[in-house]
Amino acid sequence: MNAPIIAPSILAADFANLQEDVEMLNQSQADWIHIDIMDGLFVPNISFGLPVCEAINRHAHKPLDVHLMIEKPENYLKAFRDVGAANLTIHYEATNHLHRALQEIKALDCRAGVAINPHTNVQLLEDTIKDIDLVCIMSVNPGFGGQKFIDNTYKKVRQLKEIIAENNASTQIEIDGGVNINNAPKLLEAGADILVAGSFVFKSVDPQATIQELKSI
């Protein structure tokens, strides 16, 4: 089993000291910095948008893993690429033209991701799986940090891993929501490649040590 890619979610950081937290991630074993963009429409919360993403990018030495929890994400792809996104993940449930949006993301030289909510069946991605660089399986209902992990996620990871193998795709599987040291080993065993952790990292006594603990699973 390869070491997982660790993508701490900046949503759980101290917004009054955001530069300090980004610099902490730079010095840690984190691979990516996960940024949740929320519009208050697709999800029942508002986080931050382009200016904050641009500010994070000014200080970040790690790739920005931008997760667009917004309606009509295709209208904002270039804008987020321009403020530093390396990965652009859009929700299956938020766009009527998934294949077109994936092509647009690739044309911007970003990695193309698709996120699916807890109620969404992974089989719906079968027709586009070879166009998807990463699938972000939401293991909580999107919108708020600190939620309890949904156990059905393990089954979804195994099902998605089968779809990837059957289609000879190179898609990676990312888990977002409620990830901690207890469920991370089971997620990796099921086939996950990327772990997003917010509260578990930033609310810990030593965030860098917590990231290292996840990385060393």
N, C-alpha and C. Protein backbone atom coordinates (compact mmCIF):
# COMPACT_ATOMS: atom_id res chain seq x y z
N MET A 1 0.84 -1.19 0.00
CA MET A 1 0.00 0.00 0.00
C MET A 1 0.88 1.25 0.00
N ASN A 2 0.66 2.14 -0.96
CA ASN A 2 1.43 3.37 -1.02
C ASN A 2 1.00 4.33 0.08
N ALA A 3 1.92 5.23 0.46
CA ALA A 3 1.55 6.26 1.44
C ALA A 3 0.45 7.13 0.85
N PRO A 4 -0.55 7.49 1.65
CA PRO A 4 -1.64 8.30 1.12
C PRO A 4 -1.21 9.74 0.84
N ILE A 5 -1.91 10.37 -0.07
CA ILE A 5 -1.79 11.81 -0.26
C ILE A 5 -2.64 12.48 0.82
N ILE A 6 -2.04 13.39 1.58
CA ILE A 6 -2.75 14.07 2.66
C ILE A 6 -3.03 15.51 2.25
N ALA A 7 -4.32 15.89 2.32
CA ALA A 7 -4.75 17.22 1.89
C ALA A 7 -5.54 17.89 3.02
N PRO A 8 -4.85 18.54 3.95
CA PRO A 8 -5.56 19.21 5.05
C PRO A 8 -6.51 20.28 4.51
N SER A 9 -7.70 20.32 5.09
CA SER A 9 -8.72 21.26 4.64
C SER A 9 -8.60 22.58 5.40
N ILE A 10 -8.33 23.63 4.66
CA ILE A 10 -8.11 24.96 5.24
C ILE A 10 -9.38 25.52 5.87
N LEU A 11 -10.53 24.88 5.58
CA LEU A 11 -11.80 25.31 6.17
C LEU A 11 -11.75 25.26 7.69
N ALA A 12 -10.92 24.37 8.25
CA ALA A 12 -10.81 24.22 9.70
C ALA A 12 -9.68 25.05 10.30
N ALA A 13 -8.99 25.83 9.47
CA ALA A 13 -7.87 26.64 9.95
C ALA A 13 -8.38 27.86 10.73
N ASP A 14 -7.45 28.59 11.32
CA ASP A 14 -7.76 29.83 12.03
C ASP A 14 -7.75 30.97 11.01
N PHE A 15 -8.93 31.45 10.64
CA PHE A 15 -9.01 32.46 9.57
C PHE A 15 -8.35 33.78 9.97
N ALA A 16 -8.20 34.02 11.26
CA ALA A 16 -7.53 35.24 11.70
C ALA A 16 -6.01 35.12 11.56
N ASN A 17 -5.53 33.89 11.38
CA ASN A 17 -4.09 33.66 11.22
C ASN A 17 -3.84 32.71 10.04
N LEU A 18 -4.50 33.00 8.92
CA LEU A 18 -4.48 32.08 7.79
C LEU A 18 -3.08 31.90 7.21
N GLN A 19 -2.32 32.99 7.10
CA GLN A 19 -0.96 32.88 6.57
C GLN A 19 -0.12 31.96 7.45
N GLU A 20 -0.26 32.09 8.76
CA GLU A 20 0.50 31.26 9.69
C GLU A 20 0.15 29.78 9.51
N ASP A 21 -1.14 29.48 9.32
CA ASP A 21 -1.54 28.08 9.15
C ASP A 21 -1.07 27.53 7.80
N VAL A 22 -1.09 28.36 6.76
CA VAL A 22 -0.59 27.91 5.45
C VAL A 22 0.91 27.62 5.53
N GLU A 23 1.64 28.48 6.23
CA GLU A 23 3.08 28.26 6.37
C GLU A 23 3.37 27.01 7.20
N MET A 24 2.48 26.72 8.17
CA MET A 24 2.62 25.48 8.93
C MET A 24 2.46 24.28 8.00
N LEU A 25 1.48 24.34 7.10
CA LEU A 25 1.27 23.24 6.14
C LEU A 25 2.45 23.11 5.19
N ASN A 26 3.05 24.25 4.81
CA ASN A 26 4.23 24.21 3.95
C ASN A 26 5.35 23.39 4.59
N GLN A 27 5.49 23.49 5.90
CA GLN A 27 6.58 22.84 6.62
C GLN A 27 6.22 21.41 7.03
N SER A 28 4.97 21.02 6.80
CA SER A 28 4.49 19.70 7.21
C SER A 28 4.67 18.69 6.08
N GLN A 29 4.22 17.46 6.34
CA GLN A 29 4.25 16.42 5.31
C GLN A 29 2.98 16.40 4.47
N ALA A 30 2.16 17.43 4.60
CA ALA A 30 0.97 17.54 3.74
C ALA A 30 1.40 17.60 2.28
N ASP A 31 0.61 16.97 1.42
CA ASP A 31 0.91 16.97 -0.02
C ASP A 31 0.20 18.09 -0.75
N TRP A 32 -1.06 18.30 -0.40
CA TRP A 32 -1.88 19.34 -1.03
C TRP A 32 -2.53 20.18 0.06
N ILE A 33 -3.07 21.32 -0.33
CA ILE A 33 -3.91 22.12 0.56
C ILE A 33 -5.32 22.12 -0.03
N HIS A 34 -6.26 21.59 0.73
CA HIS A 34 -7.65 21.46 0.26
C HIS A 34 -8.43 22.72 0.61
N ILE A 35 -9.08 23.28 -0.40
CA ILE A 35 -9.82 24.54 -0.22
C ILE A 35 -11.27 24.33 -0.62
N ASP A 36 -12.18 24.46 0.35
CA ASP A 36 -13.61 24.30 0.10
C ASP A 36 -14.25 25.64 -0.22
N ILE A 37 -14.77 25.77 -1.43
CA ILE A 37 -15.46 26.98 -1.86
C ILE A 37 -16.97 26.71 -1.78
N MET A 38 -17.68 27.49 -0.96
CA MET A 38 -19.12 27.28 -0.75
C MET A 38 -19.89 28.55 -1.07
N ASP A 39 -21.04 28.39 -1.74
CA ASP A 39 -21.79 29.56 -2.20
C ASP A 39 -23.09 29.84 -1.45
N GLY A 40 -23.43 28.99 -0.47
CA GLY A 40 -24.68 29.19 0.25
C GLY A 40 -25.91 28.75 -0.52
N LEU A 41 -25.71 28.22 -1.73
CA LEU A 41 -26.81 27.76 -2.57
C LEU A 41 -26.73 26.24 -2.76
N PHE A 42 -25.60 25.79 -3.28
CA PHE A 42 -25.43 24.34 -3.45
C PHE A 42 -25.30 23.65 -2.09
N VAL A 43 -24.65 24.33 -1.16
CA VAL A 43 -24.56 23.83 0.22
C VAL A 43 -25.05 24.93 1.16
N PRO A 44 -25.56 24.55 2.35
CA PRO A 44 -26.14 25.55 3.26
C PRO A 44 -25.09 26.26 4.11
N ASN A 45 -24.07 26.77 3.47
CA ASN A 45 -23.02 27.51 4.18
C ASN A 45 -22.27 28.35 3.16
N ILE A 46 -21.62 29.39 3.62
CA ILE A 46 -20.76 30.22 2.78
C ILE A 46 -19.37 30.21 3.41
N SER A 47 -18.36 29.88 2.63
CA SER A 47 -17.01 29.84 3.19
C SER A 47 -16.22 31.05 2.72
N PHE A 48 -15.61 30.96 1.55
CA PHE A 48 -14.82 32.06 0.99
C PHE A 48 -14.73 31.84 -0.51
N GLY A 49 -14.19 32.82 -1.21
CA GLY A 49 -14.15 32.73 -2.66
C GLY A 49 -12.79 33.05 -3.24
N LEU A 50 -12.79 33.72 -4.37
CA LEU A 50 -11.56 33.94 -5.13
C LEU A 50 -10.49 34.73 -4.37
N PRO A 51 -10.82 35.83 -3.69
CA PRO A 51 -9.75 36.60 -3.02
C PRO A 51 -9.00 35.81 -1.96
N VAL A 52 -9.72 35.00 -1.19
CA VAL A 52 -9.06 34.20 -0.14
C VAL A 52 -8.21 33.10 -0.78
N CYS A 53 -8.72 32.49 -1.83
CA CYS A 53 -7.96 31.47 -2.55
C CYS A 53 -6.66 32.08 -3.10
N GLU A 54 -6.76 33.26 -3.64
CA GLU A 54 -5.56 33.95 -4.17
C GLU A 54 -4.57 34.26 -3.05
N ALA A 55 -5.09 34.68 -1.88
CA ALA A 55 -4.22 34.98 -0.74
C ALA A 55 -3.51 33.73 -0.25
N ILE A 56 -4.23 32.60 -0.18
CA ILE A 56 -3.62 31.34 0.22
C ILE A 56 -2.51 30.97 -0.77
N ASN A 57 -2.79 31.13 -2.05
CA ASN A 57 -1.82 30.76 -3.09
C ASN A 57 -0.53 31.57 -2.98
N ARG A 58 -0.63 32.80 -2.52
CA ARG A 58 0.57 33.64 -2.39
C ARG A 58 1.57 33.05 -1.40
N HIS A 59 1.06 32.33 -0.42
CA HIS A 59 1.93 31.80 0.64
C HIS A 59 2.14 30.29 0.55
N ALA A 60 1.32 29.61 -0.22
CA ALA A 60 1.38 28.15 -0.27
C ALA A 60 2.53 27.65 -1.14
N HIS A 61 3.19 26.59 -0.65
CA HIS A 61 4.22 25.90 -1.44
C HIS A 61 3.73 24.52 -1.88
N LYS A 62 2.49 24.23 -1.59
CA LYS A 62 1.88 22.94 -1.96
C LYS A 62 0.76 23.21 -2.96
N PRO A 63 0.45 22.24 -3.82
CA PRO A 63 -0.64 22.43 -4.79
C PRO A 63 -1.98 22.68 -4.09
N LEU A 64 -2.78 23.54 -4.68
CA LEU A 64 -4.11 23.85 -4.14
C LEU A 64 -5.13 22.90 -4.75
N ASP A 65 -5.80 22.16 -3.87
CA ASP A 65 -6.83 21.19 -4.24
C ASP A 65 -8.18 21.88 -4.01
N VAL A 66 -8.70 22.52 -5.05
CA VAL A 66 -9.87 23.39 -4.90
C VAL A 66 -11.16 22.60 -5.17
N HIS A 67 -12.02 22.59 -4.17
CA HIS A 67 -13.28 21.84 -4.19
C HIS A 67 -14.43 22.84 -4.30
N LEU A 68 -15.05 22.89 -5.47
CA LEU A 68 -16.11 23.86 -5.72
C LEU A 68 -17.47 23.29 -5.31
N MET A 69 -17.93 23.67 -4.13
CA MET A 69 -19.27 23.27 -3.66
C MET A 69 -20.23 24.40 -4.03
N ILE A 70 -20.38 24.61 -5.33
CA ILE A 70 -21.15 25.75 -5.81
C ILE A 70 -22.02 25.34 -7.00
N GLU A 71 -23.08 26.11 -7.22
CA GLU A 71 -23.91 25.89 -8.39
C GLU A 71 -23.22 26.47 -9.63
N LYS A 72 -23.46 25.84 -10.77
CA LYS A 72 -22.87 26.26 -12.05
C LYS A 72 -21.35 26.45 -11.94
N PRO A 73 -20.64 25.43 -11.47
CA PRO A 73 -19.19 25.57 -11.29
C PRO A 73 -18.45 25.87 -12.59
N GLU A 74 -19.04 25.45 -13.71
CA GLU A 74 -18.37 25.67 -15.00
C GLU A 74 -18.15 27.15 -15.30
N ASN A 75 -18.91 28.04 -14.64
CA ASN A 75 -18.76 29.48 -14.86
C ASN A 75 -17.53 30.06 -14.16
N TYR A 76 -16.91 29.29 -13.29
CA TYR A 76 -15.83 29.83 -12.45
C TYR A 76 -14.51 29.07 -12.59
N LEU A 77 -14.42 28.15 -13.52
CA LEU A 77 -13.24 27.31 -13.62
C LEU A 77 -11.97 28.11 -13.91
N LYS A 78 -12.02 28.97 -14.93
CA LYS A 78 -10.82 29.74 -15.29
C LYS A 78 -10.44 30.69 -14.16
N ALA A 79 -11.43 31.28 -13.51
CA ALA A 79 -11.15 32.22 -12.43
C ALA A 79 -10.38 31.55 -11.29
N PHE A 80 -10.78 30.32 -10.94
CA PHE A 80 -10.07 29.63 -9.86
C PHE A 80 -8.72 29.10 -10.32
N ARG A 81 -8.62 28.73 -11.57
CA ARG A 81 -7.29 28.36 -12.09
C ARG A 81 -6.35 29.57 -11.99
N ASP A 82 -6.86 30.74 -12.33
CA ASP A 82 -6.04 31.94 -12.35
C ASP A 82 -5.57 32.38 -10.96
N VAL A 83 -6.28 31.95 -9.91
CA VAL A 83 -5.83 32.30 -8.55
C VAL A 83 -5.10 31.14 -7.88
N GLY A 84 -4.71 30.12 -8.68
CA GLY A 84 -3.79 29.14 -8.16
C GLY A 84 -4.22 27.70 -8.07
N ALA A 85 -5.46 27.37 -8.48
CA ALA A 85 -5.91 25.98 -8.36
C ALA A 85 -5.07 25.05 -9.24
N ALA A 86 -4.59 23.96 -8.64
CA ALA A 86 -3.92 22.90 -9.40
C ALA A 86 -4.91 21.81 -9.74
N ASN A 87 -5.79 21.51 -8.79
CA ASN A 87 -6.89 20.56 -8.98
C ASN A 87 -8.20 21.34 -8.89
N LEU A 88 -9.12 21.05 -9.79
CA LEU A 88 -10.45 21.66 -9.74
C LEU A 88 -11.48 20.54 -9.66
N THR A 89 -12.16 20.47 -8.54
CA THR A 89 -13.17 19.43 -8.33
C THR A 89 -14.55 20.06 -8.30
N ILE A 90 -15.44 19.55 -9.16
CA ILE A 90 -16.80 20.03 -9.22
C ILE A 90 -17.75 18.91 -8.81
N HIS A 91 -18.94 19.27 -8.37
CA HIS A 91 -19.89 18.25 -7.93
C HIS A 91 -20.70 17.70 -9.10
N TYR A 92 -20.82 16.37 -9.09
CA TYR A 92 -21.68 15.69 -10.07
C TYR A 92 -23.08 16.29 -10.05
N GLU A 93 -23.57 16.62 -8.85
CA GLU A 93 -24.94 17.09 -8.68
C GLU A 93 -25.13 18.55 -9.09
N ALA A 94 -24.03 19.27 -9.38
CA ALA A 94 -24.12 20.71 -9.59
C ALA A 94 -24.04 21.14 -11.05
N THR A 95 -23.79 20.21 -11.94
CA THR A 95 -23.66 20.59 -13.35
C THR A 95 -24.46 19.65 -14.24
N ASN A 96 -25.06 20.21 -15.28
CA ASN A 96 -25.83 19.40 -16.23
C ASN A 96 -24.96 18.81 -17.32
N HIS A 97 -23.73 19.32 -17.44
CA HIS A 97 -22.86 18.90 -18.54
C HIS A 97 -21.49 18.52 -17.99
N LEU A 98 -21.46 17.38 -17.29
CA LEU A 98 -20.24 16.96 -16.59
C LEU A 98 -19.08 16.74 -17.55
N HIS A 99 -19.31 16.02 -18.65
CA HIS A 99 -18.22 15.72 -19.58
C HIS A 99 -17.61 17.00 -20.13
N ARG A 100 -18.45 17.94 -20.53
CA ARG A 100 -17.95 19.22 -21.06
C ARG A 100 -17.13 19.96 -20.02
N ALA A 101 -17.61 19.98 -18.78
CA ALA A 101 -16.90 20.68 -17.71
C ALA A 101 -15.54 20.03 -17.44
N LEU A 102 -15.48 18.70 -17.49
CA LEU A 102 -14.21 18.00 -17.30
C LEU A 102 -13.20 18.38 -18.40
N GLN A 103 -13.70 18.46 -19.63
CA GLN A 103 -12.82 18.86 -20.74
C GLN A 103 -12.32 20.29 -20.57
N GLU A 104 -13.18 21.15 -20.05
CA GLU A 104 -12.78 22.54 -19.82
C GLU A 104 -11.69 22.63 -18.75
N ILE A 105 -11.83 21.83 -17.69
CA ILE A 105 -10.82 21.83 -16.63
C ILE A 105 -9.48 21.36 -17.19
N LYS A 106 -9.49 20.30 -17.99
CA LYS A 106 -8.24 19.78 -18.56
C LYS A 106 -7.61 20.80 -19.53
N ALA A 107 -8.46 21.52 -20.23
CA ALA A 107 -7.95 22.55 -21.15
C ALA A 107 -7.25 23.68 -20.40
N LEU A 108 -7.59 23.83 -19.12
CA LEU A 108 -6.95 24.85 -18.27
C LEU A 108 -5.68 24.32 -17.62
N ASP A 109 -5.27 23.08 -17.98
CA ASP A 109 -4.08 22.44 -17.41
C ASP A 109 -4.21 22.18 -15.91
N CYS A 110 -5.43 21.91 -15.47
CA CYS A 110 -5.66 21.50 -14.08
C CYS A 110 -6.07 20.03 -14.06
N ARG A 111 -5.89 19.39 -12.92
CA ARG A 111 -6.40 18.03 -12.74
C ARG A 111 -7.90 18.13 -12.50
N ALA A 112 -8.67 17.26 -13.15
CA ALA A 112 -10.13 17.33 -13.12
C ALA A 112 -10.70 16.38 -12.09
N GLY A 113 -11.45 16.94 -11.14
CA GLY A 113 -12.06 16.12 -10.10
C GLY A 113 -13.57 16.21 -10.13
N VAL A 114 -14.21 15.13 -9.67
CA VAL A 114 -15.67 15.10 -9.52
C VAL A 114 -15.96 14.67 -8.09
N ALA A 115 -16.76 15.46 -7.39
CA ALA A 115 -17.19 15.11 -6.04
C ALA A 115 -18.61 14.56 -6.09
N ILE A 116 -18.88 13.60 -5.21
CA ILE A 116 -20.24 13.06 -5.13
C ILE A 116 -20.71 13.10 -3.67
N ASN A 117 -21.96 13.50 -3.49
CA ASN A 117 -22.57 13.58 -2.17
C ASN A 117 -22.87 12.18 -1.63
N PRO A 118 -23.12 12.06 -0.33
CA PRO A 118 -23.36 10.73 0.26
C PRO A 118 -24.49 9.94 -0.40
N HIS A 119 -25.50 10.63 -0.94
CA HIS A 119 -26.64 9.91 -1.54
C HIS A 119 -26.40 9.51 -2.99
N THR A 120 -25.31 9.95 -3.59
CA THR A 120 -25.08 9.74 -5.02
C THR A 120 -24.35 8.41 -5.26
N ASN A 121 -24.89 7.61 -6.17
CA ASN A 121 -24.35 6.29 -6.49
C ASN A 121 -23.09 6.43 -7.35
N VAL A 122 -22.03 5.73 -6.99
CA VAL A 122 -20.78 5.81 -7.74
C VAL A 122 -20.92 5.29 -9.17
N GLN A 123 -21.91 4.43 -9.41
CA GLN A 123 -22.12 3.89 -10.77
C GLN A 123 -22.39 4.99 -11.78
N LEU A 124 -22.89 6.13 -11.32
CA LEU A 124 -23.20 7.24 -12.23
C LEU A 124 -21.95 7.83 -12.88
N LEU A 125 -20.79 7.50 -12.36
CA LEU A 125 -19.54 8.03 -12.91
C LEU A 125 -18.89 7.10 -13.93
N GLU A 126 -19.51 5.96 -14.17
CA GLU A 126 -18.89 4.95 -15.02
C GLU A 126 -18.60 5.47 -16.43
N ASP A 127 -19.51 6.24 -16.99
CA ASP A 127 -19.35 6.70 -18.37
C ASP A 127 -18.28 7.78 -18.52
N THR A 128 -17.89 8.43 -17.43
CA THR A 128 -16.89 9.51 -17.52
C THR A 128 -15.61 9.20 -16.75
N ILE A 129 -15.51 8.01 -16.18
CA ILE A 129 -14.42 7.72 -15.25
C ILE A 129 -13.04 7.92 -15.88
N LYS A 130 -12.88 7.64 -17.17
CA LYS A 130 -11.57 7.80 -17.81
C LYS A 130 -11.20 9.27 -18.03
N ASP A 131 -12.19 10.15 -17.90
CA ASP A 131 -11.94 11.59 -18.03
C ASP A 131 -11.70 12.26 -16.68
N ILE A 132 -11.83 11.49 -15.60
CA ILE A 132 -11.74 12.04 -14.25
C ILE A 132 -10.40 11.68 -13.62
N ASP A 133 -9.67 12.70 -13.15
CA ASP A 133 -8.39 12.46 -12.50
C ASP A 133 -8.58 12.03 -11.04
N LEU A 134 -9.57 12.60 -10.37
CA LEU A 134 -9.85 12.18 -9.01
C LEU A 134 -11.34 12.28 -8.73
N VAL A 135 -11.84 11.31 -7.97
CA VAL A 135 -13.21 11.35 -7.48
C VAL A 135 -13.17 11.62 -5.99
N CYS A 136 -13.84 12.67 -5.57
CA CYS A 136 -13.92 13.03 -4.16
C CYS A 136 -15.23 12.49 -3.60
N ILE A 137 -15.13 11.43 -2.80
CA ILE A 137 -16.31 10.86 -2.17
C ILE A 137 -16.57 11.61 -0.87
N MET A 138 -17.71 12.27 -0.79
CA MET A 138 -18.07 12.98 0.43
C MET A 138 -18.52 11.97 1.48
N SER A 139 -17.79 11.95 2.59
CA SER A 139 -18.11 11.02 3.67
C SER A 139 -18.87 11.70 4.81
N VAL A 140 -19.29 12.94 4.54
CA VAL A 140 -20.26 13.67 5.35
C VAL A 140 -21.12 14.46 4.36
N ASN A 141 -22.23 15.00 4.84
CA ASN A 141 -23.01 15.88 3.98
C ASN A 141 -22.28 17.22 3.86
N PRO A 142 -22.04 17.69 2.63
CA PRO A 142 -21.18 18.87 2.45
C PRO A 142 -21.79 20.14 3.01
N GLY A 143 -20.92 21.02 3.49
CA GLY A 143 -21.37 22.31 3.97
C GLY A 143 -20.74 22.75 5.28
N PHE A 144 -20.44 21.81 6.15
CA PHE A 144 -19.89 22.15 7.45
C PHE A 144 -18.80 21.18 7.86
N GLY A 145 -17.77 21.69 8.53
CA GLY A 145 -16.71 20.85 9.04
C GLY A 145 -17.12 20.20 10.35
N GLY A 146 -16.33 19.22 10.78
CA GLY A 146 -16.53 18.61 12.09
C GLY A 146 -17.67 17.63 12.18
N GLN A 147 -18.17 17.12 11.04
CA GLN A 147 -19.30 16.18 11.08
C GLN A 147 -18.84 14.73 11.26
N LYS A 148 -19.79 13.90 11.64
CA LYS A 148 -19.52 12.48 11.87
C LYS A 148 -19.41 11.74 10.54
N PHE A 149 -18.41 10.90 10.43
CA PHE A 149 -18.14 10.09 9.24
C PHE A 149 -19.29 9.12 8.96
N ILE A 150 -19.67 9.00 7.68
CA ILE A 150 -20.74 8.09 7.25
C ILE A 150 -20.12 6.75 6.86
N ASP A 151 -20.51 5.68 7.58
CA ASP A 151 -19.86 4.38 7.40
C ASP A 151 -20.06 3.75 6.02
N ASN A 152 -21.13 4.12 5.32
CA ASN A 152 -21.37 3.56 3.99
C ASN A 152 -20.26 3.94 3.00
N THR A 153 -19.43 4.89 3.40
CA THR A 153 -18.33 5.35 2.53
C THR A 153 -17.40 4.20 2.13
N TYR A 154 -17.11 3.28 3.05
CA TYR A 154 -16.20 2.17 2.74
C TYR A 154 -16.72 1.37 1.54
N LYS A 155 -18.03 1.10 1.54
CA LYS A 155 -18.64 0.36 0.44
C LYS A 155 -18.50 1.12 -0.87
N LYS A 156 -18.72 2.44 -0.82
CA LYS A 156 -18.63 3.25 -2.04
C LYS A 156 -17.21 3.26 -2.60
N VAL A 157 -16.22 3.30 -1.70
CA VAL A 157 -14.82 3.28 -2.15
C VAL A 157 -14.52 1.98 -2.88
N ARG A 158 -14.96 0.85 -2.31
CA ARG A 158 -14.71 -0.46 -2.95
C ARG A 158 -15.40 -0.55 -4.31
N GLN A 159 -16.64 -0.06 -4.38
CA GLN A 159 -17.38 -0.08 -5.65
C GLN A 159 -16.69 0.79 -6.70
N LEU A 160 -16.24 1.96 -6.29
CA LEU A 160 -15.58 2.86 -7.23
C LEU A 160 -14.24 2.28 -7.69
N LYS A 161 -13.53 1.62 -6.79
CA LYS A 161 -12.26 1.01 -7.15
C LYS A 161 -12.47 -0.04 -8.24
N GLU A 162 -13.56 -0.79 -8.15
CA GLU A 162 -13.89 -1.79 -9.17
C GLU A 162 -14.17 -1.13 -10.52
N ILE A 163 -14.92 -0.04 -10.50
CA ILE A 163 -15.23 0.68 -11.74
C ILE A 163 -13.95 1.20 -12.40
N ILE A 164 -13.05 1.74 -11.60
CA ILE A 164 -11.78 2.26 -12.11
C ILE A 164 -10.98 1.12 -12.76
N ALA A 165 -10.91 -0.02 -12.08
CA ALA A 165 -10.15 -1.16 -12.60
C ALA A 165 -10.78 -1.72 -13.87
N GLU A 166 -12.10 -1.86 -13.88
CA GLU A 166 -12.81 -2.42 -15.05
C GLU A 166 -12.63 -1.55 -16.29
N ASN A 167 -12.47 -0.25 -16.10
CA ASN A 167 -12.33 0.67 -17.23
C ASN A 167 -10.88 1.04 -17.52
N ASN A 168 -9.96 0.37 -16.79
CA ASN A 168 -8.53 0.63 -16.98
C ASN A 168 -8.22 2.12 -16.86
N ALA A 169 -8.86 2.77 -15.88
CA ALA A 169 -8.67 4.20 -15.65
C ALA A 169 -7.59 4.42 -14.60
N SER A 170 -7.07 5.63 -14.54
CA SER A 170 -6.03 5.95 -13.55
C SER A 170 -6.55 6.91 -12.49
N THR A 171 -7.85 6.98 -12.34
CA THR A 171 -8.52 7.89 -11.42
C THR A 171 -8.13 7.59 -9.97
N GLN A 172 -7.85 8.65 -9.22
CA GLN A 172 -7.57 8.51 -7.79
C GLN A 172 -8.85 8.73 -6.99
N ILE A 173 -8.90 8.16 -5.79
CA ILE A 173 -10.07 8.28 -4.92
C ILE A 173 -9.70 9.13 -3.70
N GLU A 174 -10.45 10.21 -3.53
CA GLU A 174 -10.24 11.14 -2.41
C GLU A 174 -11.42 11.03 -1.46
N ILE A 175 -11.15 11.07 -0.15
CA ILE A 175 -12.20 11.02 0.86
C ILE A 175 -12.22 12.34 1.61
N ASP A 176 -13.40 12.93 1.72
CA ASP A 176 -13.54 14.25 2.33
C ASP A 176 -14.66 14.22 3.37
N GLY A 177 -14.28 14.36 4.65
CA GLY A 177 -15.27 14.49 5.70
C GLY A 177 -15.11 13.48 6.83
N GLY A 178 -14.82 13.97 8.02
CA GLY A 178 -14.76 13.09 9.18
C GLY A 178 -13.60 12.12 9.20
N VAL A 179 -12.58 12.38 8.40
CA VAL A 179 -11.42 11.48 8.35
C VAL A 179 -10.59 11.64 9.62
N ASN A 180 -10.21 10.52 10.23
CA ASN A 180 -9.35 10.55 11.41
C ASN A 180 -8.45 9.31 11.43
N ILE A 181 -7.68 9.18 12.48
CA ILE A 181 -6.69 8.08 12.53
C ILE A 181 -7.36 6.73 12.68
N ASN A 182 -8.62 6.70 13.10
CA ASN A 182 -9.34 5.43 13.28
C ASN A 182 -9.89 4.89 11.97
N ASN A 183 -10.47 5.78 11.14
CA ASN A 183 -11.07 5.28 9.89
C ASN A 183 -10.10 5.34 8.71
N ALA A 184 -9.03 6.11 8.81
CA ALA A 184 -8.10 6.25 7.68
C ALA A 184 -7.52 4.91 7.22
N PRO A 185 -7.06 4.03 8.12
CA PRO A 185 -6.52 2.75 7.63
C PRO A 185 -7.54 1.93 6.86
N LYS A 186 -8.80 1.93 7.31
CA LYS A 186 -9.85 1.16 6.63
C LYS A 186 -10.17 1.78 5.27
N LEU A 187 -10.10 3.10 5.18
CA LEU A 187 -10.34 3.78 3.90
C LEU A 187 -9.26 3.42 2.89
N LEU A 188 -8.02 3.42 3.35
CA LEU A 188 -6.90 3.09 2.45
C LEU A 188 -6.97 1.62 2.03
N GLU A 189 -7.36 0.77 2.95
CA GLU A 189 -7.49 -0.65 2.64
C GLU A 189 -8.59 -0.87 1.60
N ALA A 190 -9.65 -0.06 1.66
CA ALA A 190 -10.76 -0.18 0.71
C ALA A 190 -10.37 0.33 -0.68
N GLY A 191 -9.32 1.20 -0.74
CA GLY A 191 -8.87 1.68 -2.05
C GLY A 191 -8.69 3.17 -2.18
N ALA A 192 -8.84 3.92 -1.08
CA ALA A 192 -8.66 5.38 -1.15
C ALA A 192 -7.19 5.73 -1.36
N ASP A 193 -6.97 6.86 -2.06
CA ASP A 193 -5.61 7.33 -2.34
C ASP A 193 -5.30 8.65 -1.63
N ILE A 194 -6.34 9.46 -1.40
CA ILE A 194 -6.17 10.83 -0.91
C ILE A 194 -7.10 11.03 0.28
N LEU A 195 -6.55 11.57 1.37
CA LEU A 195 -7.34 11.83 2.57
C LEU A 195 -7.39 13.33 2.84
N VAL A 196 -8.61 13.86 2.90
CA VAL A 196 -8.82 15.26 3.30
C VAL A 196 -9.15 15.24 4.78
N ALA A 197 -8.44 16.03 5.56
CA ALA A 197 -8.71 16.09 7.00
C ALA A 197 -8.68 17.55 7.43
N GLY A 198 -9.76 17.97 8.08
CA GLY A 198 -9.85 19.36 8.51
C GLY A 198 -9.72 19.49 10.01
N SER A 199 -10.83 19.29 10.71
CA SER A 199 -10.84 19.43 12.17
C SER A 199 -9.82 18.52 12.83
N PHE A 200 -9.68 17.29 12.31
CA PHE A 200 -8.76 16.33 12.92
C PHE A 200 -7.33 16.86 12.93
N VAL A 201 -6.97 17.63 11.89
CA VAL A 201 -5.63 18.21 11.83
C VAL A 201 -5.56 19.51 12.64
N PHE A 202 -6.41 20.46 12.29
CA PHE A 202 -6.26 21.81 12.83
C PHE A 202 -6.69 21.95 14.30
N LYS A 203 -7.54 21.04 14.76
CA LYS A 203 -7.97 21.10 16.17
C LYS A 203 -7.07 20.23 17.06
N SER A 204 -6.09 19.58 16.49
CA SER A 204 -5.19 18.73 17.27
C SER A 204 -4.14 19.59 17.98
N VAL A 205 -3.50 19.01 18.99
CA VAL A 205 -2.50 19.73 19.76
C VAL A 205 -1.29 20.08 18.89
N ASP A 206 -0.92 19.16 18.01
CA ASP A 206 0.24 19.35 17.14
C ASP A 206 -0.16 18.96 15.71
N PRO A 207 -0.66 19.92 14.91
CA PRO A 207 -1.14 19.60 13.57
C PRO A 207 -0.10 18.92 12.68
N GLN A 208 1.17 19.35 12.78
CA GLN A 208 2.19 18.73 11.93
C GLN A 208 2.38 17.26 12.29
N ALA A 209 2.36 16.95 13.59
CA ALA A 209 2.49 15.57 14.02
C ALA A 209 1.28 14.74 13.58
N THR A 210 0.11 15.35 13.60
CA THR A 210 -1.11 14.66 13.17
C THR A 210 -1.06 14.34 11.68
N ILE A 211 -0.57 15.30 10.88
CA ILE A 211 -0.40 15.06 9.44
C ILE A 211 0.61 13.93 9.21
N GLN A 212 1.70 13.96 9.96
CA GLN A 212 2.71 12.90 9.84
C GLN A 212 2.13 11.53 10.20
N GLU A 213 1.25 11.51 11.21
CA GLU A 213 0.62 10.25 11.62
C GLU A 213 -0.26 9.71 10.51
N LEU A 214 -1.02 10.57 9.86
CA LEU A 214 -1.86 10.15 8.72
C LEU A 214 -1.00 9.67 7.56
N LYS A 215 0.06 10.42 7.31
CA LYS A 215 0.93 10.12 6.17
C LYS A 215 1.62 8.77 6.33
N SER A 216 1.87 8.38 7.57
CA SER A 216 2.66 7.16 7.82
C SER A 216 1.80 5.91 7.93
N ILE A 217 0.49 6.02 7.71
CA ILE A 217 -0.38 4.83 7.78
C ILE A 217 0.01 3.86 6.68
